[in-house]
Amino acid sequence: MKYFLNRFLFLFFIFLSLSFVSKAQGEQKDSLSHIAKKRANRAALYSALLPGAGQVYNKKYWKVPIIYAGFGTLYYFIRTNNTEFKKYQSALVIRNDADTNTVDEFPTLSDQDLTVRKDYYRRNRDLSYILAGVLYTLNIIDAYVDSQLLDFDVSDNLSMHTAPTLFQSPGQQMKPGLQLTFTFR
């Protein structure tokens, strides 16, 4: 839990500092650009405070269950791997103590087998923590980018056509190529 809190505070201060940097650069000449940037920063901040809140702010409700399913899955793996790690770690400690009254849970496994299993579950638990941090970061990036692209024009007035063509350089033969034609109406 302390790991997540540290990461959360780190990302929160990064977004806070980004908002101060954008304010310090002066007033925007284009008010629509300023509004879009402010909206994107707000969406990112909402997602940083509560994963999925930026997606709700952008009215992309279908993304929220995906985010929480990812966090739920990672929580399951973190919990399972941590339980197994602690089980093999305590079995190793019990086996190596000097008390003869303790019962060995895994009499068929050697010390090396217990160590390998302990390390395996610790590695998987740590990887799950890293993946949870990546998912958290992607959640914030998705909210920011999606908010930036809300005003992006995808109408039929924009088009691109490709066609084969022949190009001639000065003093050289014709060479085949690909011509891209952009149409703005």
N, C-alpha and C. Protein backbone atom coordinates (compact mmCIF):
# COMPACT_ATOMS: atom_id res chain seq x y z
N MET A 1 0.83 -1.19 0.00
CA MET A 1 0.00 0.00 0.00
C MET A 1 0.87 1.25 0.00
N LYS A 2 1.98 1.20 0.71
CA LYS A 2 2.89 2.33 0.76
C LYS A 2 3.47 2.60 -0.63
N TYR A 3 3.72 1.56 -1.38
CA TYR A 3 4.24 1.68 -2.74
C TYR A 3 3.26 2.47 -3.62
N PHE A 4 1.97 2.13 -3.55
CA PHE A 4 0.97 2.82 -4.35
C PHE A 4 0.82 4.27 -3.92
N LEU A 5 0.90 4.52 -2.62
CA LEU A 5 0.79 5.88 -2.13
C LEU A 5 1.94 6.73 -2.63
N ASN A 6 3.16 6.19 -2.59
CA ASN A 6 4.32 6.92 -3.09
C ASN A 6 4.18 7.21 -4.58
N ARG A 7 3.74 6.22 -5.36
CA ARG A 7 3.57 6.41 -6.80
C ARG A 7 2.47 7.43 -7.08
N PHE A 8 1.39 7.35 -6.32
CA PHE A 8 0.29 8.29 -6.50
C PHE A 8 0.76 9.72 -6.25
N LEU A 9 1.47 9.94 -5.14
CA LEU A 9 1.95 11.28 -4.82
C LEU A 9 2.93 11.77 -5.87
N PHE A 10 3.79 10.89 -6.37
CA PHE A 10 4.73 11.26 -7.41
C PHE A 10 4.00 11.72 -8.67
N LEU A 11 3.03 10.96 -9.13
CA LEU A 11 2.28 11.33 -10.33
C LEU A 11 1.44 12.57 -10.10
N PHE A 12 0.88 12.72 -8.91
CA PHE A 12 0.08 13.90 -8.61
C PHE A 12 0.94 15.16 -8.70
N PHE A 13 2.14 15.13 -8.15
CA PHE A 13 3.00 16.30 -8.21
C PHE A 13 3.51 16.57 -9.61
N ILE A 14 3.68 15.54 -10.41
CA ILE A 14 4.07 15.76 -11.82
C ILE A 14 2.97 16.49 -12.55
N PHE A 15 1.72 16.05 -12.40
CA PHE A 15 0.62 16.72 -13.08
C PHE A 15 0.40 18.13 -12.53
N LEU A 16 0.62 18.30 -11.24
CA LEU A 16 0.49 19.62 -10.65
C LEU A 16 1.55 20.55 -11.22
N SER A 17 2.78 20.07 -11.34
CA SER A 17 3.84 20.90 -11.89
C SER A 17 3.61 21.18 -13.37
N LEU A 18 3.05 20.22 -14.11
CA LEU A 18 2.74 20.47 -15.52
C LEU A 18 1.69 21.57 -15.66
N SER A 19 0.74 21.62 -14.77
CA SER A 19 -0.27 22.67 -14.86
C SER A 19 0.34 24.03 -14.56
N PHE A 20 1.32 24.10 -13.63
CA PHE A 20 1.97 25.37 -13.34
C PHE A 20 2.85 25.80 -14.51
N VAL A 21 3.52 24.85 -15.16
CA VAL A 21 4.36 25.17 -16.31
C VAL A 21 3.50 25.72 -17.45
N SER A 22 2.35 25.11 -17.71
CA SER A 22 1.50 25.59 -18.78
C SER A 22 0.93 26.97 -18.45
N LYS A 23 0.67 27.28 -17.18
CA LYS A 23 0.21 28.61 -16.79
C LYS A 23 1.33 29.62 -16.94
N ALA A 24 2.55 29.23 -16.62
CA ALA A 24 3.68 30.14 -16.66
C ALA A 24 4.07 30.52 -18.08
N GLN A 25 3.67 29.74 -19.05
CA GLN A 25 4.03 30.04 -20.44
C GLN A 25 3.23 31.20 -21.00
N GLY A 26 2.27 31.70 -20.26
CA GLY A 26 1.52 32.86 -20.71
C GLY A 26 0.17 32.47 -21.27
N GLU A 27 -0.57 33.49 -21.63
CA GLU A 27 -1.91 33.27 -22.16
C GLU A 27 -1.83 32.68 -23.56
N GLN A 28 -2.74 31.80 -23.87
CA GLN A 28 -2.84 31.20 -25.19
C GLN A 28 -3.53 32.18 -26.12
N LYS A 29 -3.06 32.26 -27.35
CA LYS A 29 -3.70 33.12 -28.33
C LYS A 29 -5.00 32.50 -28.81
N ASP A 30 -5.04 31.20 -28.86
CA ASP A 30 -6.23 30.50 -29.33
C ASP A 30 -7.02 30.02 -28.12
N SER A 31 -8.21 30.58 -27.94
CA SER A 31 -8.99 30.23 -26.76
C SER A 31 -9.46 28.79 -26.79
N LEU A 32 -9.73 28.23 -27.98
CA LEU A 32 -10.14 26.83 -28.07
C LEU A 32 -9.01 25.91 -27.65
N SER A 33 -7.80 26.24 -28.04
CA SER A 33 -6.64 25.45 -27.64
C SER A 33 -6.46 25.51 -26.13
N HIS A 34 -6.66 26.68 -25.56
CA HIS A 34 -6.53 26.84 -24.11
C HIS A 34 -7.60 26.02 -23.37
N ILE A 35 -8.82 26.05 -23.89
CA ILE A 35 -9.90 25.29 -23.27
C ILE A 35 -9.63 23.79 -23.37
N ALA A 36 -9.14 23.34 -24.55
CA ALA A 36 -8.84 21.92 -24.73
C ALA A 36 -7.73 21.47 -23.80
N LYS A 37 -6.71 22.31 -23.63
CA LYS A 37 -5.60 21.95 -22.75
C LYS A 37 -6.07 21.90 -21.29
N LYS A 38 -6.91 22.86 -20.91
CA LYS A 38 -7.43 22.88 -19.55
C LYS A 38 -8.31 21.65 -19.30
N ARG A 39 -9.12 21.30 -20.29
CA ARG A 39 -9.99 20.12 -20.17
C ARG A 39 -9.15 18.85 -20.07
N ALA A 40 -8.07 18.76 -20.85
CA ALA A 40 -7.21 17.58 -20.82
C ALA A 40 -6.49 17.46 -19.48
N ASN A 41 -6.02 18.57 -18.96
CA ASN A 41 -5.36 18.53 -17.65
C ASN A 41 -6.34 18.11 -16.56
N ARG A 42 -7.56 18.58 -16.65
CA ARG A 42 -8.58 18.23 -15.67
C ARG A 42 -8.89 16.73 -15.74
N ALA A 43 -9.01 16.21 -16.97
CA ALA A 43 -9.29 14.77 -17.13
C ALA A 43 -8.15 13.94 -16.56
N ALA A 44 -6.92 14.35 -16.81
CA ALA A 44 -5.77 13.62 -16.27
C ALA A 44 -5.75 13.68 -14.75
N LEU A 45 -6.05 14.82 -14.20
CA LEU A 45 -6.08 14.96 -12.74
C LEU A 45 -7.16 14.09 -12.13
N TYR A 46 -8.34 14.06 -12.75
CA TYR A 46 -9.43 13.21 -12.25
C TYR A 46 -9.02 11.74 -12.28
N SER A 47 -8.36 11.33 -13.37
CA SER A 47 -7.93 9.93 -13.45
C SER A 47 -6.82 9.62 -12.46
N ALA A 48 -6.00 10.62 -12.14
CA ALA A 48 -4.95 10.40 -11.15
C ALA A 48 -5.54 10.24 -9.76
N LEU A 49 -6.59 11.02 -9.47
CA LEU A 49 -7.21 10.93 -8.15
C LEU A 49 -8.04 9.67 -7.99
N LEU A 50 -8.81 9.32 -9.03
CA LEU A 50 -9.64 8.12 -9.00
C LEU A 50 -9.60 7.49 -10.38
N PRO A 51 -8.95 6.34 -10.52
CA PRO A 51 -8.87 5.71 -11.83
C PRO A 51 -10.25 5.54 -12.47
N GLY A 52 -10.37 5.98 -13.72
CA GLY A 52 -11.62 5.91 -14.44
C GLY A 52 -12.41 7.20 -14.40
N ALA A 53 -12.11 8.10 -13.47
CA ALA A 53 -12.86 9.35 -13.36
C ALA A 53 -12.61 10.25 -14.57
N GLY A 54 -11.41 10.21 -15.11
CA GLY A 54 -11.12 11.00 -16.31
C GLY A 54 -11.88 10.48 -17.52
N GLN A 55 -12.07 9.18 -17.59
CA GLN A 55 -12.83 8.60 -18.69
C GLN A 55 -14.31 8.98 -18.55
N VAL A 56 -14.82 9.01 -17.34
CA VAL A 56 -16.20 9.45 -17.11
C VAL A 56 -16.32 10.93 -17.49
N TYR A 57 -15.34 11.73 -17.13
CA TYR A 57 -15.33 13.15 -17.47
C TYR A 57 -15.35 13.34 -18.99
N ASN A 58 -14.66 12.46 -19.72
CA ASN A 58 -14.63 12.52 -21.19
C ASN A 58 -15.84 11.84 -21.82
N LYS A 59 -16.73 11.30 -20.99
CA LYS A 59 -17.94 10.59 -21.44
C LYS A 59 -17.59 9.32 -22.23
N LYS A 60 -16.54 8.65 -21.85
CA LYS A 60 -16.15 7.35 -22.41
C LYS A 60 -16.38 6.30 -21.33
N TYR A 61 -17.64 6.09 -21.02
CA TYR A 61 -18.04 5.23 -19.90
C TYR A 61 -17.63 3.77 -20.10
N TRP A 62 -17.54 3.33 -21.34
CA TRP A 62 -17.25 1.93 -21.61
C TRP A 62 -15.83 1.55 -21.19
N LYS A 63 -14.95 2.51 -20.98
CA LYS A 63 -13.57 2.20 -20.59
C LYS A 63 -13.42 1.91 -19.09
N VAL A 64 -14.35 2.40 -18.30
CA VAL A 64 -14.25 2.26 -16.84
C VAL A 64 -14.26 0.80 -16.40
N PRO A 65 -15.18 -0.06 -16.91
CA PRO A 65 -15.13 -1.48 -16.50
C PRO A 65 -13.83 -2.17 -16.90
N ILE A 66 -13.27 -1.77 -18.02
CA ILE A 66 -11.99 -2.38 -18.45
C ILE A 66 -10.89 -2.02 -17.46
N ILE A 67 -10.86 -0.77 -17.05
CA ILE A 67 -9.83 -0.32 -16.09
C ILE A 67 -9.97 -1.07 -14.77
N TYR A 68 -11.21 -1.16 -14.26
CA TYR A 68 -11.40 -1.81 -12.97
C TYR A 68 -11.24 -3.33 -13.06
N ALA A 69 -11.54 -3.91 -14.22
CA ALA A 69 -11.27 -5.34 -14.39
C ALA A 69 -9.76 -5.59 -14.36
N GLY A 70 -9.00 -4.70 -14.97
CA GLY A 70 -7.54 -4.82 -14.92
C GLY A 70 -7.00 -4.70 -13.51
N PHE A 71 -7.50 -3.70 -12.77
CA PHE A 71 -7.05 -3.55 -11.39
C PHE A 71 -7.49 -4.73 -10.52
N GLY A 72 -8.69 -5.23 -10.75
CA GLY A 72 -9.16 -6.38 -9.99
C GLY A 72 -8.33 -7.62 -10.25
N THR A 73 -8.00 -7.84 -11.51
CA THR A 73 -7.16 -8.98 -11.87
C THR A 73 -5.78 -8.86 -11.25
N LEU A 74 -5.20 -7.67 -11.33
CA LEU A 74 -3.87 -7.48 -10.74
C LEU A 74 -3.92 -7.60 -9.21
N TYR A 75 -5.00 -7.13 -8.59
CA TYR A 75 -5.15 -7.30 -7.15
C TYR A 75 -5.18 -8.78 -6.79
N TYR A 76 -5.91 -9.56 -7.57
CA TYR A 76 -5.98 -11.01 -7.33
C TYR A 76 -4.59 -11.64 -7.41
N PHE A 77 -3.82 -11.29 -8.45
CA PHE A 77 -2.49 -11.87 -8.60
C PHE A 77 -1.54 -11.40 -7.50
N ILE A 78 -1.65 -10.15 -7.11
CA ILE A 78 -0.80 -9.64 -6.02
C ILE A 78 -1.10 -10.39 -4.73
N ARG A 79 -2.37 -10.53 -4.43
CA ARG A 79 -2.77 -11.20 -3.19
C ARG A 79 -2.37 -12.68 -3.20
N THR A 80 -2.64 -13.38 -4.29
CA THR A 80 -2.32 -14.80 -4.38
C THR A 80 -0.82 -15.04 -4.29
N ASN A 81 -0.05 -14.27 -5.06
CA ASN A 81 1.40 -14.45 -5.05
C ASN A 81 2.00 -14.07 -3.71
N ASN A 82 1.46 -13.06 -3.05
CA ASN A 82 1.96 -12.67 -1.74
C ASN A 82 1.67 -13.75 -0.71
N THR A 83 0.49 -14.37 -0.77
CA THR A 83 0.14 -15.45 0.16
C THR A 83 1.09 -16.64 -0.02
N GLU A 84 1.31 -17.03 -1.26
CA GLU A 84 2.22 -18.14 -1.54
C GLU A 84 3.65 -17.81 -1.13
N PHE A 85 4.09 -16.57 -1.40
CA PHE A 85 5.43 -16.15 -1.02
C PHE A 85 5.62 -16.27 0.49
N LYS A 86 4.64 -15.76 1.25
CA LYS A 86 4.75 -15.81 2.72
C LYS A 86 4.71 -17.25 3.22
N LYS A 87 3.93 -18.11 2.56
CA LYS A 87 3.83 -19.51 2.98
C LYS A 87 5.19 -20.20 2.83
N TYR A 88 5.84 -20.02 1.70
CA TYR A 88 7.14 -20.68 1.49
C TYR A 88 8.25 -20.00 2.30
N GLN A 89 8.13 -18.71 2.53
CA GLN A 89 9.12 -18.03 3.35
C GLN A 89 9.05 -18.52 4.79
N SER A 90 7.83 -18.64 5.32
CA SER A 90 7.71 -19.13 6.70
C SER A 90 8.10 -20.61 6.79
N ALA A 91 7.83 -21.39 5.76
CA ALA A 91 8.25 -22.79 5.77
C ALA A 91 9.78 -22.90 5.82
N LEU A 92 10.45 -22.00 5.12
CA LEU A 92 11.91 -21.98 5.13
C LEU A 92 12.44 -21.57 6.51
N VAL A 93 11.79 -20.60 7.14
CA VAL A 93 12.21 -20.17 8.47
C VAL A 93 11.97 -21.28 9.49
N ILE A 94 10.82 -21.94 9.41
CA ILE A 94 10.50 -23.03 10.34
C ILE A 94 11.48 -24.18 10.19
N ARG A 95 11.83 -24.48 8.96
CA ARG A 95 12.74 -25.60 8.72
C ARG A 95 14.13 -25.31 9.28
N ASN A 96 14.56 -24.06 9.25
CA ASN A 96 15.92 -23.72 9.67
C ASN A 96 16.02 -23.26 11.12
N ASP A 97 14.90 -23.27 11.87
CA ASP A 97 15.02 -22.90 13.28
C ASP A 97 15.50 -24.12 14.08
N ALA A 98 15.90 -23.87 15.28
CA ALA A 98 16.47 -24.93 16.12
C ALA A 98 15.42 -25.66 16.95
N ASP A 99 14.17 -25.29 16.82
CA ASP A 99 13.10 -25.89 17.61
C ASP A 99 12.68 -27.22 16.98
N THR A 100 12.70 -28.28 17.73
CA THR A 100 12.33 -29.60 17.21
C THR A 100 10.83 -29.85 17.27
N ASN A 101 10.09 -28.97 17.94
CA ASN A 101 8.64 -29.15 18.07
C ASN A 101 7.87 -28.60 16.87
N THR A 102 8.52 -27.83 16.01
CA THR A 102 7.80 -27.27 14.85
C THR A 102 7.59 -28.35 13.80
N VAL A 103 6.46 -28.23 13.11
CA VAL A 103 6.09 -29.22 12.10
C VAL A 103 6.40 -28.65 10.72
N ASP A 104 7.11 -29.43 9.94
CA ASP A 104 7.46 -29.02 8.57
C ASP A 104 6.27 -29.30 7.65
N GLU A 105 5.74 -28.24 7.02
CA GLU A 105 4.59 -28.39 6.12
C GLU A 105 4.95 -29.10 4.82
N PHE A 106 6.20 -28.97 4.41
CA PHE A 106 6.63 -29.51 3.12
C PHE A 106 7.82 -30.45 3.33
N PRO A 107 7.60 -31.64 3.89
CA PRO A 107 8.73 -32.53 4.16
C PRO A 107 9.34 -33.10 2.88
N THR A 108 8.61 -33.12 1.78
CA THR A 108 9.15 -33.69 0.54
C THR A 108 9.99 -32.70 -0.25
N LEU A 109 9.95 -31.42 0.11
CA LEU A 109 10.71 -30.40 -0.62
C LEU A 109 12.02 -30.10 0.09
N SER A 110 13.05 -29.89 -0.68
CA SER A 110 14.35 -29.53 -0.10
C SER A 110 14.38 -28.02 0.18
N ASP A 111 15.44 -27.58 0.86
CA ASP A 111 15.60 -26.16 1.13
C ASP A 111 15.70 -25.37 -0.17
N GLN A 112 16.40 -25.93 -1.13
CA GLN A 112 16.55 -25.26 -2.42
C GLN A 112 15.19 -25.14 -3.13
N ASP A 113 14.36 -26.18 -3.06
CA ASP A 113 13.03 -26.13 -3.67
C ASP A 113 12.18 -25.04 -3.02
N LEU A 114 12.25 -24.96 -1.70
CA LEU A 114 11.50 -23.91 -1.01
C LEU A 114 11.99 -22.51 -1.40
N THR A 115 13.29 -22.36 -1.51
CA THR A 115 13.86 -21.06 -1.90
C THR A 115 13.45 -20.68 -3.32
N VAL A 116 13.48 -21.65 -4.24
CA VAL A 116 13.08 -21.37 -5.62
C VAL A 116 11.62 -20.96 -5.68
N ARG A 117 10.76 -21.65 -4.95
CA ARG A 117 9.33 -21.31 -4.96
C ARG A 117 9.07 -19.95 -4.30
N LYS A 118 9.78 -19.69 -3.23
CA LYS A 118 9.64 -18.39 -2.56
C LYS A 118 10.04 -17.26 -3.50
N ASP A 119 11.17 -17.42 -4.18
CA ASP A 119 11.63 -16.40 -5.12
C ASP A 119 10.68 -16.25 -6.31
N TYR A 120 10.13 -17.35 -6.78
CA TYR A 120 9.18 -17.32 -7.90
C TYR A 120 7.95 -16.49 -7.56
N TYR A 121 7.36 -16.72 -6.40
CA TYR A 121 6.15 -15.99 -6.01
C TYR A 121 6.46 -14.54 -5.67
N ARG A 122 7.63 -14.28 -5.11
CA ARG A 122 8.01 -12.88 -4.84
C ARG A 122 8.18 -12.13 -6.16
N ARG A 123 8.83 -12.75 -7.13
CA ARG A 123 9.04 -12.12 -8.43
C ARG A 123 7.70 -11.83 -9.12
N ASN A 124 6.77 -12.79 -9.07
CA ASN A 124 5.46 -12.59 -9.68
C ASN A 124 4.66 -11.51 -8.95
N ARG A 125 4.78 -11.45 -7.64
CA ARG A 125 4.09 -10.41 -6.87
C ARG A 125 4.63 -9.03 -7.24
N ASP A 126 5.96 -8.93 -7.32
CA ASP A 126 6.57 -7.65 -7.67
C ASP A 126 6.22 -7.23 -9.10
N LEU A 127 6.17 -8.19 -10.01
CA LEU A 127 5.78 -7.89 -11.38
C LEU A 127 4.33 -7.41 -11.44
N SER A 128 3.47 -7.99 -10.61
CA SER A 128 2.07 -7.55 -10.56
C SER A 128 1.97 -6.13 -10.04
N TYR A 129 2.79 -5.77 -9.06
CA TYR A 129 2.83 -4.38 -8.59
C TYR A 129 3.25 -3.44 -9.71
N ILE A 130 4.25 -3.82 -10.45
CA ILE A 130 4.73 -2.99 -11.56
C ILE A 130 3.63 -2.83 -12.61
N LEU A 131 2.96 -3.93 -12.94
CA LEU A 131 1.88 -3.86 -13.92
C LEU A 131 0.72 -3.00 -13.43
N ALA A 132 0.46 -3.01 -12.13
CA ALA A 132 -0.59 -2.14 -11.58
C ALA A 132 -0.18 -0.67 -11.74
N GLY A 133 1.08 -0.37 -11.54
CA GLY A 133 1.57 1.00 -11.76
C GLY A 133 1.48 1.40 -13.22
N VAL A 134 1.78 0.47 -14.11
CA VAL A 134 1.67 0.74 -15.55
C VAL A 134 0.21 0.98 -15.93
N LEU A 135 -0.69 0.16 -15.42
CA LEU A 135 -2.12 0.34 -15.70
C LEU A 135 -2.61 1.67 -15.17
N TYR A 136 -2.18 2.05 -14.00
CA TYR A 136 -2.56 3.34 -13.42
C TYR A 136 -2.07 4.49 -14.31
N THR A 137 -0.83 4.39 -14.77
CA THR A 137 -0.27 5.43 -15.62
C THR A 137 -0.98 5.48 -16.97
N LEU A 138 -1.26 4.31 -17.55
CA LEU A 138 -1.98 4.28 -18.83
C LEU A 138 -3.39 4.84 -18.69
N ASN A 139 -4.01 4.64 -17.56
CA ASN A 139 -5.33 5.20 -17.29
C ASN A 139 -5.27 6.73 -17.37
N ILE A 140 -4.25 7.32 -16.79
CA ILE A 140 -4.09 8.78 -16.80
C ILE A 140 -3.78 9.26 -18.21
N ILE A 141 -2.87 8.58 -18.89
CA ILE A 141 -2.50 8.97 -20.26
C ILE A 141 -3.70 8.86 -21.19
N ASP A 142 -4.49 7.80 -21.04
CA ASP A 142 -5.67 7.63 -21.88
C ASP A 142 -6.66 8.78 -21.68
N ALA A 143 -6.91 9.17 -20.45
CA ALA A 143 -7.84 10.26 -20.18
C ALA A 143 -7.33 11.57 -20.79
N TYR A 144 -6.03 11.81 -20.67
CA TYR A 144 -5.45 13.05 -21.20
C TYR A 144 -5.53 13.09 -22.73
N VAL A 145 -5.09 12.01 -23.37
CA VAL A 145 -5.08 11.97 -24.84
C VAL A 145 -6.50 11.99 -25.39
N ASP A 146 -7.39 11.24 -24.77
CA ASP A 146 -8.77 11.21 -25.24
C ASP A 146 -9.41 12.58 -25.13
N SER A 147 -9.10 13.30 -24.08
CA SER A 147 -9.64 14.65 -23.93
C SER A 147 -9.06 15.60 -24.97
N GLN A 148 -7.79 15.42 -25.30
CA GLN A 148 -7.17 16.25 -26.34
C GLN A 148 -7.80 15.99 -27.71
N LEU A 149 -8.21 14.75 -27.96
CA LEU A 149 -8.74 14.38 -29.27
C LEU A 149 -10.25 14.57 -29.40
N LEU A 150 -10.91 15.09 -28.37
CA LEU A 150 -12.35 15.30 -28.46
C LEU A 150 -12.72 16.27 -29.57
N ASP A 151 -11.88 17.26 -29.83
CA ASP A 151 -12.15 18.26 -30.86
C ASP A 151 -11.53 17.91 -32.21
N PHE A 152 -10.95 16.74 -32.32
CA PHE A 152 -10.28 16.35 -33.56
C PHE A 152 -11.32 16.11 -34.66
N ASP A 153 -11.09 16.70 -35.82
CA ASP A 153 -12.05 16.63 -36.92
C ASP A 153 -11.86 15.33 -37.69
N VAL A 154 -12.89 14.49 -37.69
CA VAL A 154 -12.85 13.23 -38.43
C VAL A 154 -13.99 13.18 -39.46
N SER A 155 -14.38 14.34 -39.95
CA SER A 155 -15.49 14.39 -40.90
C SER A 155 -15.04 13.90 -42.28
N ASP A 156 -16.01 13.80 -43.20
CA ASP A 156 -15.71 13.37 -44.56
C ASP A 156 -15.01 14.46 -45.36
N ASN A 157 -14.90 15.65 -44.82
CA ASN A 157 -14.22 16.73 -45.52
C ASN A 157 -12.71 16.54 -45.55
N LEU A 158 -12.21 15.61 -44.79
CA LEU A 158 -10.79 15.28 -44.79
C LEU A 158 -10.62 13.93 -45.46
N SER A 159 -9.70 13.84 -46.41
CA SER A 159 -9.48 12.55 -47.05
C SER A 159 -8.04 12.44 -47.53
N MET A 160 -7.60 11.20 -47.73
CA MET A 160 -6.28 10.92 -48.26
C MET A 160 -6.41 9.80 -49.27
N HIS A 161 -5.79 9.99 -50.42
CA HIS A 161 -5.81 8.97 -51.47
C HIS A 161 -4.38 8.62 -51.83
N THR A 162 -4.16 7.36 -52.10
CA THR A 162 -2.85 6.90 -52.55
C THR A 162 -2.98 6.40 -53.98
N ALA A 163 -1.92 6.60 -54.75
CA ALA A 163 -1.92 6.14 -56.14
C ALA A 163 -0.48 5.88 -56.56
N PRO A 164 -0.25 4.84 -57.37
CA PRO A 164 1.10 4.63 -57.89
C PRO A 164 1.44 5.72 -58.90
N THR A 165 2.69 6.08 -58.97
CA THR A 165 3.12 7.12 -59.89
C THR A 165 4.56 6.89 -60.31
N LEU A 166 5.02 7.64 -61.29
CA LEU A 166 6.41 7.60 -61.75
C LEU A 166 7.04 8.96 -61.49
N PHE A 167 8.21 8.96 -60.86
CA PHE A 167 8.94 10.19 -60.58
C PHE A 167 10.17 10.23 -61.46
N GLN A 168 10.53 11.45 -61.90
CA GLN A 168 11.74 11.61 -62.70
C GLN A 168 12.62 12.64 -62.03
N SER A 169 13.84 12.22 -61.67
CA SER A 169 14.82 13.13 -61.12
C SER A 169 15.57 13.75 -62.28
N PRO A 170 16.12 14.94 -62.11
CA PRO A 170 16.87 15.56 -63.21
C PRO A 170 18.07 14.69 -63.60
N GLY A 171 18.13 14.33 -64.87
CA GLY A 171 19.24 13.55 -65.39
C GLY A 171 19.16 12.07 -65.09
N GLN A 172 18.05 11.58 -64.57
CA GLN A 172 17.92 10.16 -64.26
C GLN A 172 16.67 9.60 -64.91
N GLN A 173 16.55 8.29 -64.82
CA GLN A 173 15.40 7.62 -65.41
C GLN A 173 14.18 7.75 -64.50
N MET A 174 13.05 7.33 -65.04
CA MET A 174 11.80 7.32 -64.27
C MET A 174 11.89 6.24 -63.17
N LYS A 175 11.38 6.59 -62.00
CA LYS A 175 11.39 5.63 -60.88
C LYS A 175 9.96 5.51 -60.35
N PRO A 176 9.57 4.28 -60.00
CA PRO A 176 8.22 4.12 -59.46
C PRO A 176 8.14 4.65 -58.02
N GLY A 177 6.95 5.09 -57.66
CA GLY A 177 6.77 5.62 -56.32
C GLY A 177 5.29 5.57 -55.93
N LEU A 178 5.01 6.14 -54.78
CA LEU A 178 3.67 6.18 -54.27
C LEU A 178 3.31 7.63 -53.99
N GLN A 179 2.19 8.09 -54.56
CA GLN A 179 1.76 9.47 -54.39
C GLN A 179 0.63 9.53 -53.37
N LEU A 180 0.78 10.40 -52.41
CA LEU A 180 -0.24 10.63 -51.39
C LEU A 180 -0.91 11.96 -51.69
N THR A 181 -2.25 11.96 -51.78
CA THR A 181 -2.98 13.19 -52.06
C THR A 181 -3.93 13.45 -50.89
N PHE A 182 -3.75 14.60 -50.26
CA PHE A 182 -4.61 15.00 -49.16
C PHE A 182 -5.62 16.02 -49.68
N THR A 183 -6.88 15.83 -49.32
CA THR A 183 -7.94 16.73 -49.76
C THR A 183 -8.61 17.35 -48.53
N PHE A 184 -8.60 18.67 -48.51
CA PHE A 184 -9.27 19.41 -47.45
C PHE A 184 -10.39 20.23 -48.08
N ARG A 185 -11.63 19.99 -47.70
CA ARG A 185 -12.75 20.73 -48.28
C ARG A 185 -13.29 21.75 -47.32
